N, C-alpha and C. Protein backbone atom coordinates (compact mmCIF):
# COMPACT_ATOMS: atom_id res chain seq x y z
N MET A 1 194.70 8.15 137.58
CA MET A 1 195.82 7.41 138.05
C MET A 1 195.78 7.50 139.73
N LYS A 2 195.36 8.52 140.15
CA LYS A 2 195.42 8.83 141.62
C LYS A 2 194.17 7.96 142.21
N LYS A 3 193.20 7.97 141.36
CA LYS A 3 191.96 7.18 141.84
C LYS A 3 192.33 5.57 142.02
N ARG A 4 193.21 5.20 140.84
CA ARG A 4 193.54 3.79 140.77
C ARG A 4 194.38 3.50 142.13
N LYS A 5 195.36 4.39 142.45
CA LYS A 5 196.33 4.24 143.28
C LYS A 5 195.68 4.16 144.74
N LYS A 6 194.62 4.79 144.87
CA LYS A 6 193.76 4.91 146.05
C LYS A 6 192.93 3.56 146.26
N GLU A 7 192.42 3.06 145.15
CA GLU A 7 191.91 1.93 145.14
C GLU A 7 192.83 0.55 145.61
N VAL A 8 193.99 0.47 145.04
CA VAL A 8 194.81 -0.32 145.24
C VAL A 8 195.29 -0.40 146.60
N LYS A 9 195.54 0.88 147.22
CA LYS A 9 195.79 1.08 148.64
C LYS A 9 194.99 0.65 149.54
N LYS A 10 193.59 0.86 149.10
CA LYS A 10 192.41 0.51 149.92
C LYS A 10 192.47 -1.01 150.13
N LYS A 11 192.48 -1.66 149.00
CA LYS A 11 192.41 -3.02 148.83
C LYS A 11 193.63 -3.81 149.63
N THR A 12 194.83 -3.31 149.60
CA THR A 12 195.89 -3.63 150.22
C THR A 12 195.77 -3.66 151.71
N GLY A 13 195.06 -2.31 151.96
CA GLY A 13 194.81 -2.07 153.60
C GLY A 13 193.94 -3.09 154.15
N PHE A 14 193.07 -3.51 153.12
CA PHE A 14 191.89 -4.38 153.72
C PHE A 14 192.64 -5.77 153.93
N PHE A 15 193.30 -6.43 152.96
CA PHE A 15 193.95 -7.68 153.07
C PHE A 15 194.92 -7.69 154.29
N LYS A 16 195.57 -6.57 154.39
CA LYS A 16 196.55 -6.51 155.35
C LYS A 16 195.92 -6.58 156.82
N LYS A 17 194.77 -5.90 156.87
CA LYS A 17 194.00 -5.77 158.39
C LYS A 17 193.36 -7.35 158.37
N THR A 18 192.69 -7.93 157.35
CA THR A 18 191.96 -9.08 157.42
C THR A 18 193.17 -10.32 157.74
N TYR A 19 194.40 -10.40 157.10
CA TYR A 19 195.25 -11.35 157.51
C TYR A 19 195.96 -11.12 158.87
N SER A 20 195.91 -10.02 159.25
CA SER A 20 196.44 -9.84 160.79
C SER A 20 195.45 -10.29 161.81
N GLU A 21 194.09 -10.04 161.52
CA GLU A 21 193.12 -10.59 162.17
C GLU A 21 193.06 -12.04 162.41
N ILE A 22 193.43 -12.64 161.11
CA ILE A 22 193.24 -14.15 160.89
C ILE A 22 194.34 -14.55 161.82
N TRP A 23 195.88 -14.27 161.61
CA TRP A 23 196.70 -14.67 162.39
C TRP A 23 196.66 -14.62 163.84
N ASN A 24 196.02 -13.32 164.38
CA ASN A 24 195.68 -13.42 165.72
C ASN A 24 194.59 -14.26 166.15
N TYR A 25 193.82 -14.66 165.55
CA TYR A 25 192.89 -15.60 165.94
C TYR A 25 193.33 -17.09 166.01
N LEU A 26 194.23 -17.31 164.89
CA LEU A 26 195.06 -18.45 164.89
C LEU A 26 195.64 -18.75 166.16
N ARG A 27 196.39 -17.61 166.58
CA ARG A 27 197.16 -17.96 167.78
C ARG A 27 196.42 -18.12 169.06
N GLU A 28 195.20 -17.47 168.97
CA GLU A 28 194.08 -17.78 170.17
C GLU A 28 193.79 -19.12 169.94
N SER A 29 193.64 -19.67 168.86
CA SER A 29 193.05 -21.11 168.75
C SER A 29 194.14 -22.07 168.70
N LYS A 30 195.32 -21.74 169.01
CA LYS A 30 196.43 -22.84 168.82
C LYS A 30 196.08 -24.12 169.72
N ILE A 31 195.64 -24.00 170.81
CA ILE A 31 195.27 -25.17 171.52
C ILE A 31 194.21 -26.10 170.83
N SER A 32 193.14 -25.60 170.35
CA SER A 32 192.24 -26.19 169.56
C SER A 32 192.76 -27.23 168.38
N ILE A 33 193.77 -26.18 167.66
CA ILE A 33 194.32 -26.58 166.43
C ILE A 33 195.32 -27.98 166.85
N LEU A 34 196.20 -27.77 167.99
CA LEU A 34 197.04 -28.71 168.57
C LEU A 34 196.22 -29.95 168.92
N ILE A 35 195.01 -29.86 169.69
CA ILE A 35 194.42 -31.08 170.05
C ILE A 35 194.02 -31.89 168.93
N ILE A 36 193.56 -31.21 167.95
CA ILE A 36 192.89 -31.95 166.62
C ILE A 36 194.08 -32.65 165.92
N THR A 37 195.23 -32.03 165.89
CA THR A 37 196.41 -32.42 165.30
C THR A 37 196.90 -33.85 166.05
N LEU A 38 197.04 -33.60 167.23
CA LEU A 38 197.37 -34.87 167.99
C LEU A 38 196.40 -35.91 168.05
N ILE A 39 195.10 -35.76 167.86
CA ILE A 39 194.14 -36.72 167.91
C ILE A 39 194.36 -37.39 166.22
N PHE A 40 194.55 -36.65 165.23
CA PHE A 40 194.83 -37.19 164.01
C PHE A 40 195.84 -38.16 163.97
N PHE A 41 197.17 -37.56 164.44
CA PHE A 41 198.34 -38.26 164.27
C PHE A 41 198.33 -39.78 165.29
N ILE A 42 197.76 -39.60 166.50
CA ILE A 42 197.57 -40.57 167.18
C ILE A 42 196.87 -41.68 166.58
N PHE A 43 195.68 -41.44 165.67
CA PHE A 43 194.97 -42.32 165.08
C PHE A 43 195.53 -42.92 163.84
N VAL A 44 196.38 -41.99 163.18
CA VAL A 44 197.42 -42.37 162.13
C VAL A 44 198.08 -43.67 162.59
N LEU A 45 198.68 -43.59 163.87
CA LEU A 45 199.60 -44.58 164.39
C LEU A 45 198.78 -45.76 164.70
N ILE A 46 197.59 -45.64 165.25
CA ILE A 46 196.62 -46.78 165.54
C ILE A 46 196.31 -47.44 164.22
N GLY A 47 195.80 -46.80 163.22
CA GLY A 47 195.60 -47.11 161.96
C GLY A 47 196.59 -47.91 161.28
N PHE A 48 198.09 -47.56 161.38
CA PHE A 48 198.95 -48.16 160.89
C PHE A 48 199.45 -49.55 161.59
N VAL A 49 199.24 -49.72 163.08
CA VAL A 49 199.63 -50.73 163.66
C VAL A 49 198.44 -51.73 164.03
N VAL A 50 197.18 -51.33 164.15
CA VAL A 50 196.31 -51.93 164.56
C VAL A 50 195.43 -52.66 163.29
N PRO A 51 195.32 -53.69 163.00
CA PRO A 51 194.70 -54.28 161.74
C PRO A 51 193.20 -53.93 161.72
N ALA A 52 192.75 -53.43 160.63
CA ALA A 52 191.15 -53.18 160.62
C ALA A 52 190.43 -54.56 160.38
N SER A 53 189.13 -54.41 161.09
CA SER A 53 188.27 -55.79 161.00
C SER A 53 188.01 -55.84 159.51
N ASP A 54 187.40 -57.05 159.26
CA ASP A 54 187.06 -57.23 157.78
C ASP A 54 185.89 -56.30 157.30
N ALA A 55 184.90 -56.04 158.25
CA ALA A 55 183.90 -55.16 157.86
C ALA A 55 184.67 -53.84 157.59
N LEU A 56 185.33 -53.31 158.43
CA LEU A 56 186.00 -51.97 158.29
C LEU A 56 186.76 -51.92 157.20
N LEU A 57 187.51 -53.07 156.86
CA LEU A 57 188.43 -53.24 155.74
C LEU A 57 187.63 -52.95 154.32
N GLU A 58 186.55 -53.72 154.23
CA GLU A 58 185.70 -53.66 153.18
C GLU A 58 185.08 -52.06 153.02
N MET A 59 184.80 -51.77 154.08
CA MET A 59 184.21 -50.17 153.94
C MET A 59 185.32 -49.22 153.41
N ILE A 60 186.78 -49.48 153.81
CA ILE A 60 187.75 -48.45 153.36
C ILE A 60 188.21 -48.83 151.98
N LEU A 61 188.01 -49.99 151.48
CA LEU A 61 188.35 -50.46 150.06
C LEU A 61 187.18 -49.99 149.04
N GLU A 62 185.78 -50.10 149.70
CA GLU A 62 184.79 -49.67 149.06
C GLU A 62 185.03 -48.06 148.73
N TYR A 63 185.32 -47.52 149.71
CA TYR A 63 185.41 -46.01 149.59
C TYR A 63 186.39 -45.67 148.62
N ILE A 64 187.65 -46.42 148.31
CA ILE A 64 188.88 -45.95 147.70
C ILE A 64 188.30 -46.41 146.21
N ASN A 65 187.52 -47.45 146.04
CA ASN A 65 187.12 -47.86 144.66
C ASN A 65 186.07 -46.73 144.19
N LYS A 66 185.22 -46.16 145.06
CA LYS A 66 184.29 -45.30 144.74
C LYS A 66 184.96 -44.04 144.33
N ILE A 67 185.96 -43.65 145.00
CA ILE A 67 186.69 -42.44 144.70
C ILE A 67 187.38 -42.59 143.18
N LEU A 68 188.07 -43.91 142.90
CA LEU A 68 188.49 -44.20 141.59
C LEU A 68 187.71 -44.03 140.66
N GLU A 69 186.51 -44.64 140.81
CA GLU A 69 185.39 -44.81 139.56
C GLU A 69 185.10 -43.15 139.39
N GLN A 70 184.99 -42.32 140.39
CA GLN A 70 184.41 -40.89 140.04
C GLN A 70 185.24 -40.18 139.49
N THR A 71 186.78 -40.47 139.67
CA THR A 71 187.71 -39.56 138.95
C THR A 71 188.16 -40.03 137.65
N GLN A 72 187.71 -41.39 137.38
CA GLN A 72 188.20 -41.98 136.12
C GLN A 72 187.76 -41.25 135.14
N GLY A 73 188.92 -40.92 134.12
CA GLY A 73 188.32 -40.33 132.76
C GLY A 73 188.09 -38.77 132.95
N LEU A 74 188.60 -38.26 134.34
CA LEU A 74 188.36 -36.82 134.29
C LEU A 74 189.60 -36.00 133.88
N SER A 75 189.35 -34.96 133.08
CA SER A 75 190.38 -34.04 132.82
C SER A 75 191.35 -33.36 133.81
N PHE A 76 192.29 -32.91 133.60
CA PHE A 76 193.28 -32.27 134.49
C PHE A 76 192.39 -31.33 135.42
N LEU A 77 191.77 -30.31 134.85
CA LEU A 77 190.92 -29.20 135.46
C LEU A 77 189.73 -30.00 136.14
N GLU A 78 189.06 -30.79 135.59
CA GLU A 78 187.94 -31.52 136.19
C GLU A 78 188.60 -32.41 137.59
N LEU A 79 189.85 -32.90 137.41
CA LEU A 79 190.19 -33.54 138.71
C LEU A 79 190.52 -32.50 139.70
N ILE A 80 191.22 -31.42 139.26
CA ILE A 80 191.26 -30.23 140.23
C ILE A 80 190.11 -29.94 141.06
N GLY A 81 189.02 -29.75 140.39
CA GLY A 81 187.67 -29.27 140.78
C GLY A 81 187.15 -30.57 141.81
N PHE A 82 187.30 -31.63 141.43
CA PHE A 82 186.66 -32.83 142.40
C PHE A 82 187.26 -32.79 143.70
N ILE A 83 188.76 -32.89 143.45
CA ILE A 83 189.62 -32.75 144.65
C ILE A 83 189.38 -31.54 145.55
N PHE A 84 189.18 -30.52 144.87
CA PHE A 84 189.08 -29.31 145.77
C PHE A 84 187.61 -29.34 146.44
N LEU A 85 186.44 -29.56 145.63
CA LEU A 85 185.25 -29.56 146.24
C LEU A 85 185.24 -30.62 147.38
N ASN A 86 185.67 -31.89 147.16
CA ASN A 86 185.74 -32.78 148.39
C ASN A 86 186.21 -32.14 149.56
N ASN A 87 187.40 -31.79 149.30
CA ASN A 87 188.35 -31.25 150.64
C ASN A 87 187.43 -30.03 151.25
N LEU A 88 186.99 -29.21 150.33
CA LEU A 88 186.08 -28.02 150.84
C LEU A 88 184.91 -28.43 151.74
N LYS A 89 184.19 -29.50 151.12
CA LYS A 89 183.04 -29.74 151.97
C LYS A 89 183.37 -30.58 153.27
N SER A 90 184.39 -31.31 153.23
CA SER A 90 184.97 -31.85 154.42
C SER A 90 185.23 -30.83 155.48
N ALA A 91 186.10 -29.93 155.03
CA ALA A 91 186.69 -29.01 155.96
C ALA A 91 185.51 -27.88 156.21
N PHE A 92 184.66 -27.53 155.43
CA PHE A 92 183.60 -26.56 155.83
C PHE A 92 182.71 -27.24 157.01
N PHE A 93 182.13 -28.50 156.66
CA PHE A 93 181.30 -29.28 157.52
C PHE A 93 181.97 -29.51 158.94
N GLY A 94 183.24 -29.87 158.74
CA GLY A 94 183.92 -30.15 160.06
C GLY A 94 184.02 -29.04 161.04
N MET A 95 184.07 -27.80 160.40
CA MET A 95 184.29 -26.50 161.16
C MET A 95 182.92 -26.03 161.66
N ILE A 96 182.03 -26.08 160.91
CA ILE A 96 180.36 -25.61 160.98
C ILE A 96 179.89 -26.55 162.21
N PHE A 97 179.93 -27.87 161.96
CA PHE A 97 179.36 -28.84 162.91
C PHE A 97 180.08 -28.89 164.30
N GLY A 98 181.18 -27.98 164.38
CA GLY A 98 181.68 -27.96 165.66
C GLY A 98 180.95 -27.10 166.66
N ILE A 99 179.94 -26.54 166.22
CA ILE A 99 179.08 -25.90 167.19
C ILE A 99 178.26 -26.84 168.15
N PHE A 100 178.15 -28.01 167.74
CA PHE A 100 177.85 -29.16 168.82
C PHE A 100 178.75 -29.60 169.64
N PHE A 101 179.25 -28.63 170.59
CA PHE A 101 180.03 -28.96 171.76
C PHE A 101 181.83 -29.42 171.08
N GLY A 102 181.89 -29.20 169.89
CA GLY A 102 183.07 -29.70 169.25
C GLY A 102 183.31 -31.19 168.98
N ILE A 103 182.06 -31.74 169.06
CA ILE A 103 182.37 -33.28 168.91
C ILE A 103 182.60 -33.81 167.52
N PHE A 104 181.97 -33.09 166.53
CA PHE A 104 182.07 -33.71 165.30
C PHE A 104 183.56 -33.34 164.70
N PRO A 105 184.16 -32.41 165.16
CA PRO A 105 185.72 -32.01 164.54
C PRO A 105 186.30 -33.29 164.98
N ILE A 106 186.29 -33.59 166.20
CA ILE A 106 186.93 -34.76 166.99
C ILE A 106 186.89 -35.96 166.35
N ILE A 107 185.50 -36.26 166.02
CA ILE A 107 185.35 -37.58 165.26
C ILE A 107 186.02 -37.63 163.68
N VAL A 108 185.76 -36.53 163.03
CA VAL A 108 186.25 -36.29 161.71
C VAL A 108 187.88 -36.62 161.82
N SER A 109 188.40 -35.99 162.78
CA SER A 109 189.93 -36.04 162.94
C SER A 109 190.37 -37.47 163.14
N LEU A 110 189.68 -38.33 164.04
CA LEU A 110 190.10 -39.48 164.37
C LEU A 110 189.99 -40.49 163.22
N VAL A 111 188.73 -40.35 162.44
CA VAL A 111 188.32 -41.13 161.40
C VAL A 111 189.32 -41.16 160.34
N ASN A 112 189.67 -39.76 159.81
CA ASN A 112 190.67 -39.49 158.90
C ASN A 112 192.01 -40.05 159.15
N GLY A 113 192.24 -39.70 160.54
CA GLY A 113 193.62 -40.19 160.79
C GLY A 113 193.86 -41.60 160.87
N TYR A 114 192.97 -42.35 161.18
CA TYR A 114 192.84 -44.00 161.23
C TYR A 114 192.95 -44.47 159.81
N PHE A 115 192.01 -43.80 159.05
CA PHE A 115 192.10 -44.08 157.35
C PHE A 115 193.19 -43.94 156.85
N LEU A 116 194.06 -42.64 157.07
CA LEU A 116 195.30 -42.65 156.55
C LEU A 116 196.43 -43.38 157.19
N GLY A 117 196.21 -43.78 158.33
CA GLY A 117 197.15 -44.74 158.95
C GLY A 117 197.11 -46.15 158.17
N TYR A 118 195.94 -46.56 157.89
CA TYR A 118 195.58 -48.00 157.55
C TYR A 118 196.06 -47.98 155.90
N VAL A 119 195.70 -46.67 155.26
CA VAL A 119 196.13 -46.76 153.89
C VAL A 119 197.67 -46.80 153.85
N SER A 120 198.26 -46.12 154.89
CA SER A 120 199.83 -45.98 154.66
C SER A 120 200.31 -47.32 154.98
N TYR A 121 199.57 -48.35 155.85
CA TYR A 121 200.15 -49.63 156.09
C TYR A 121 199.76 -50.38 154.92
N LEU A 122 198.74 -50.21 154.18
CA LEU A 122 198.72 -51.03 152.90
C LEU A 122 199.70 -50.71 151.86
N SER A 123 200.01 -49.35 151.86
CA SER A 123 201.17 -49.07 150.86
C SER A 123 202.40 -49.54 151.27
N VAL A 124 202.45 -49.48 152.53
CA VAL A 124 204.00 -49.95 152.88
C VAL A 124 204.02 -51.57 152.68
N LYS A 125 202.87 -52.30 153.03
CA LYS A 125 202.86 -53.47 152.69
C LYS A 125 203.07 -54.05 151.26
N ALA A 126 202.49 -53.03 150.35
CA ALA A 126 202.69 -53.46 148.97
C ALA A 126 203.89 -52.82 148.11
N GLY A 127 204.50 -51.82 148.63
CA GLY A 127 205.51 -51.23 148.02
C GLY A 127 206.75 -50.92 148.92
N GLY A 128 206.66 -51.40 150.27
CA GLY A 128 207.75 -50.95 151.30
C GLY A 128 207.73 -49.55 151.71
N ILE A 129 208.61 -49.58 152.68
CA ILE A 129 208.59 -48.12 153.54
C ILE A 129 208.84 -47.00 152.43
N ILE A 130 209.48 -47.07 151.45
CA ILE A 130 209.73 -45.95 150.64
C ILE A 130 208.53 -45.35 149.92
N SER A 131 207.52 -46.38 149.61
CA SER A 131 206.12 -45.89 149.26
C SER A 131 205.51 -44.55 150.00
N LEU A 132 205.91 -44.60 151.19
CA LEU A 132 205.23 -43.50 152.16
C LEU A 132 205.70 -42.05 151.48
N ILE A 133 206.98 -42.11 150.89
CA ILE A 133 207.34 -40.71 150.31
C ILE A 133 206.46 -40.26 149.41
N SER A 134 205.93 -41.04 148.48
CA SER A 134 204.96 -40.71 147.39
C SER A 134 203.83 -40.10 148.00
N LEU A 135 203.34 -40.33 149.30
CA LEU A 135 202.07 -39.74 150.00
C LEU A 135 202.32 -38.63 150.44
N LEU A 136 203.56 -38.15 150.82
CA LEU A 136 203.89 -36.89 151.55
C LEU A 136 203.31 -35.73 150.88
N PRO A 137 203.65 -35.42 149.53
CA PRO A 137 203.12 -34.34 148.71
C PRO A 137 201.65 -33.93 148.86
N HIS A 138 201.04 -35.18 148.91
CA HIS A 138 199.43 -34.83 149.02
C HIS A 138 198.98 -34.16 150.09
N GLY A 139 199.78 -34.30 151.26
CA GLY A 139 199.25 -33.60 152.50
C GLY A 139 200.13 -32.39 152.97
N ILE A 140 200.78 -31.88 152.19
CA ILE A 140 201.47 -30.62 152.60
C ILE A 140 200.59 -29.37 152.77
N PHE A 141 199.75 -29.13 151.92
CA PHE A 141 198.90 -28.04 152.01
C PHE A 141 197.57 -28.71 152.58
N GLU A 142 196.82 -29.74 152.24
CA GLU A 142 195.83 -30.14 152.69
C GLU A 142 195.56 -30.34 154.13
N LEU A 143 196.48 -31.35 154.86
CA LEU A 143 196.50 -31.37 156.32
C LEU A 143 196.55 -30.10 157.01
N PRO A 144 197.35 -29.30 156.89
CA PRO A 144 197.21 -28.17 157.51
C PRO A 144 195.83 -27.26 157.46
N ALA A 145 195.22 -27.40 156.19
CA ALA A 145 194.03 -26.66 156.10
C ALA A 145 192.78 -27.64 156.75
N ILE A 146 192.99 -28.70 156.67
CA ILE A 146 191.95 -29.64 157.53
C ILE A 146 192.32 -29.52 159.15
N PHE A 147 193.47 -29.44 159.51
CA PHE A 147 193.57 -29.39 160.84
C PHE A 147 193.30 -27.92 161.48
N ILE A 148 193.47 -26.91 160.61
CA ILE A 148 192.92 -25.49 161.00
C ILE A 148 191.45 -25.58 161.02
N SER A 149 190.65 -26.11 160.05
CA SER A 149 189.31 -26.04 159.94
C SER A 149 188.68 -26.81 161.03
N LEU A 150 189.10 -27.99 161.51
CA LEU A 150 188.66 -28.74 162.39
C LEU A 150 189.17 -27.96 163.79
N GLY A 151 190.22 -27.50 164.16
CA GLY A 151 190.44 -26.54 165.08
C GLY A 151 189.40 -25.41 165.27
N MET A 152 189.05 -24.76 164.22
CA MET A 152 188.05 -23.71 164.22
C MET A 152 186.70 -24.42 164.82
N GLY A 153 186.43 -25.55 164.40
CA GLY A 153 185.20 -26.06 164.75
C GLY A 153 185.17 -26.52 166.25
N LEU A 154 186.44 -27.06 166.70
CA LEU A 154 186.38 -27.37 168.13
C LEU A 154 186.45 -26.00 169.11
N LYS A 155 186.91 -25.02 168.46
CA LYS A 155 186.75 -23.69 169.34
C LYS A 155 185.49 -23.23 169.42
N LEU A 156 184.87 -23.32 168.06
CA LEU A 156 183.37 -22.89 167.89
C LEU A 156 182.34 -23.52 168.96
N GLY A 157 182.92 -24.93 169.01
CA GLY A 157 181.98 -25.54 170.13
C GLY A 157 182.19 -25.20 171.44
N GLY A 158 183.49 -24.76 171.65
CA GLY A 158 183.88 -24.44 173.18
C GLY A 158 183.11 -22.98 173.56
N ALA A 159 182.52 -22.28 172.65
CA ALA A 159 182.01 -21.12 173.02
C ALA A 159 180.82 -21.12 174.15
N VAL A 160 180.27 -22.45 174.03
CA VAL A 160 179.15 -22.72 175.17
C VAL A 160 179.77 -22.75 176.67
N PHE A 161 181.14 -22.84 176.68
CA PHE A 161 181.64 -23.11 177.96
C PHE A 161 182.05 -21.69 178.29
N THR A 162 182.00 -20.52 177.60
CA THR A 162 182.49 -19.28 178.10
C THR A 162 181.23 -18.52 178.69
N LYS A 163 181.83 -17.69 179.58
CA LYS A 163 180.91 -16.75 180.37
C LYS A 163 179.65 -16.11 179.38
N ASN A 164 180.13 -15.33 178.22
CA ASN A 164 179.14 -14.83 177.55
C ASN A 164 178.97 -15.52 176.13
N VAL A 165 177.99 -16.65 176.35
CA VAL A 165 178.02 -17.64 175.43
C VAL A 165 177.76 -16.82 174.11
N GLU A 166 176.53 -16.26 173.92
CA GLU A 166 176.37 -15.39 172.79
C GLU A 166 177.24 -14.56 171.88
N LYS A 167 177.98 -13.76 172.72
CA LYS A 167 179.15 -12.78 172.16
C LYS A 167 180.29 -13.74 171.76
N SER A 168 180.56 -14.73 172.42
CA SER A 168 181.96 -15.73 171.98
C SER A 168 181.45 -16.18 170.88
N PHE A 169 180.24 -16.97 170.77
CA PHE A 169 179.86 -17.62 169.66
C PHE A 169 180.12 -16.61 168.42
N LYS A 170 179.55 -15.45 168.38
CA LYS A 170 179.44 -14.71 167.34
C LYS A 170 180.90 -14.19 166.83
N THR A 171 181.53 -14.07 167.95
CA THR A 171 183.02 -13.44 167.53
C THR A 171 183.88 -14.83 167.06
N PHE A 172 183.74 -16.17 167.54
CA PHE A 172 184.16 -17.15 167.01
C PHE A 172 183.82 -17.66 165.44
N PHE A 173 182.62 -17.35 165.47
CA PHE A 173 182.05 -17.71 164.06
C PHE A 173 182.30 -16.71 163.09
N VAL A 174 182.47 -15.44 163.26
CA VAL A 174 182.83 -14.68 162.13
C VAL A 174 184.45 -14.74 162.00
N ASN A 175 185.24 -15.07 163.19
CA ASN A 175 186.55 -15.16 162.79
C ASN A 175 186.95 -16.41 162.07
N SER A 176 186.05 -17.66 162.32
CA SER A 176 186.33 -18.75 161.68
C SER A 176 186.09 -18.69 160.37
N ILE A 177 185.01 -17.93 160.04
CA ILE A 177 184.56 -17.56 158.51
C ILE A 177 185.61 -16.93 157.66
N LYS A 178 186.23 -16.05 158.31
CA LYS A 178 187.32 -15.24 157.79
C LYS A 178 188.43 -16.24 157.39
N VAL A 179 188.90 -16.94 158.53
CA VAL A 179 189.95 -18.14 158.18
C VAL A 179 189.72 -18.99 157.14
N PHE A 180 188.35 -19.46 156.99
CA PHE A 180 188.09 -20.22 156.07
C PHE A 180 188.14 -19.63 154.66
N VAL A 181 187.70 -18.50 154.47
CA VAL A 181 187.66 -17.84 153.37
C VAL A 181 188.83 -17.41 152.70
N PHE A 182 189.79 -16.72 153.85
CA PHE A 182 191.07 -16.20 153.16
C PHE A 182 192.36 -17.19 153.62
N LEU A 183 191.99 -18.07 154.14
CA LEU A 183 193.33 -18.98 154.38
C LEU A 183 192.99 -20.56 153.98
N ILE A 184 191.91 -21.04 154.39
CA ILE A 184 191.74 -22.44 154.37
C ILE A 184 191.28 -22.88 152.80
N ILE A 185 190.65 -21.96 152.13
CA ILE A 185 190.07 -22.04 150.67
C ILE A 185 191.47 -22.02 149.91
N PRO A 186 192.22 -20.95 149.88
CA PRO A 186 193.48 -21.00 149.01
C PRO A 186 194.59 -22.21 149.33
N LEU A 187 194.58 -22.64 150.57
CA LEU A 187 195.39 -23.80 150.89
C LEU A 187 194.79 -24.99 150.14
N LEU A 188 193.46 -25.12 150.25
CA LEU A 188 192.86 -26.33 149.46
C LEU A 188 193.06 -26.11 147.88
N ILE A 189 192.97 -25.04 147.44
CA ILE A 189 193.08 -24.90 146.05
C ILE A 189 194.59 -25.08 145.54
N ILE A 190 195.46 -24.88 146.41
CA ILE A 190 197.03 -25.26 146.07
C ILE A 190 196.95 -26.79 146.30
N ALA A 191 196.57 -27.39 147.33
CA ALA A 191 196.67 -28.67 147.52
C ALA A 191 195.94 -29.58 146.46
N ALA A 192 194.72 -29.05 145.75
CA ALA A 192 194.08 -29.63 144.77
C ALA A 192 194.93 -29.78 143.50
N VAL A 193 195.54 -28.53 143.28
CA VAL A 193 196.23 -28.51 142.11
C VAL A 193 197.55 -29.58 142.22
N ILE A 194 198.40 -29.49 143.45
CA ILE A 194 199.46 -30.43 143.73
C ILE A 194 199.03 -31.86 143.44
N GLU A 195 197.95 -32.37 144.11
CA GLU A 195 197.43 -33.56 144.13
C GLU A 195 197.29 -34.02 142.74
N SER A 196 196.62 -33.37 141.98
CA SER A 196 195.99 -33.46 140.51
C SER A 196 197.26 -33.56 139.70
N CYS A 197 198.24 -32.87 139.81
CA CYS A 197 199.57 -33.00 139.23
C CYS A 197 200.32 -34.41 139.39
N LEU A 198 200.25 -34.85 140.56
CA LEU A 198 200.78 -35.92 140.82
C LEU A 198 200.02 -37.21 140.29
N ILE A 199 198.80 -37.01 140.46
CA ILE A 199 197.77 -38.20 139.93
C ILE A 199 198.01 -38.14 138.44
N PHE A 200 197.75 -37.03 137.82
CA PHE A 200 197.61 -36.88 136.28
C PHE A 200 198.85 -37.23 135.36
N PHE A 201 200.08 -36.50 136.12
CA PHE A 201 201.39 -36.52 135.36
C PHE A 201 202.42 -37.46 136.03
N GLY A 202 201.89 -38.08 137.18
CA GLY A 202 202.94 -39.03 137.99
C GLY A 202 203.04 -40.20 137.40
């Protein structure tokens, strides 16, 4: 019994320490996360008001149709897995490829922002402004996870502009991985479950 209590206490202490470090690093990274978030919503607005070219529209529709084909006939659990893995890859690569001066996270943010903006425009055009409400639950957990991961990537890329590049990069990288494992992954799991429920049972 004492051994079990000691193990529980040890695990509790580990998680308490880890999440304390994560929140501290998030506070240090707030400017990077804010920049990514602003870029995203600026391009959401652009995507909503600026019509896409025929070539771009064809690419967007082709992507949507591809997703629909891939998810057709999937069970509830398979759908959760598909959505989770898709978001996981986007979040992970958006963070890791930030090492190249933070350029990749910025590109991912503006592309996804424009895509969401244009999809929102098509949704409003087809079903009116009220149709946007149905899109909101999809992003409650997914968007914060993506913003944080891309913000981590942007900060990671900023390590090259610090005085001690090697030390800064190592610190940023280790903290980014902690944030990814203990915060972003849980958020993406919740997001996948919610989105799957809306698609499967909606």
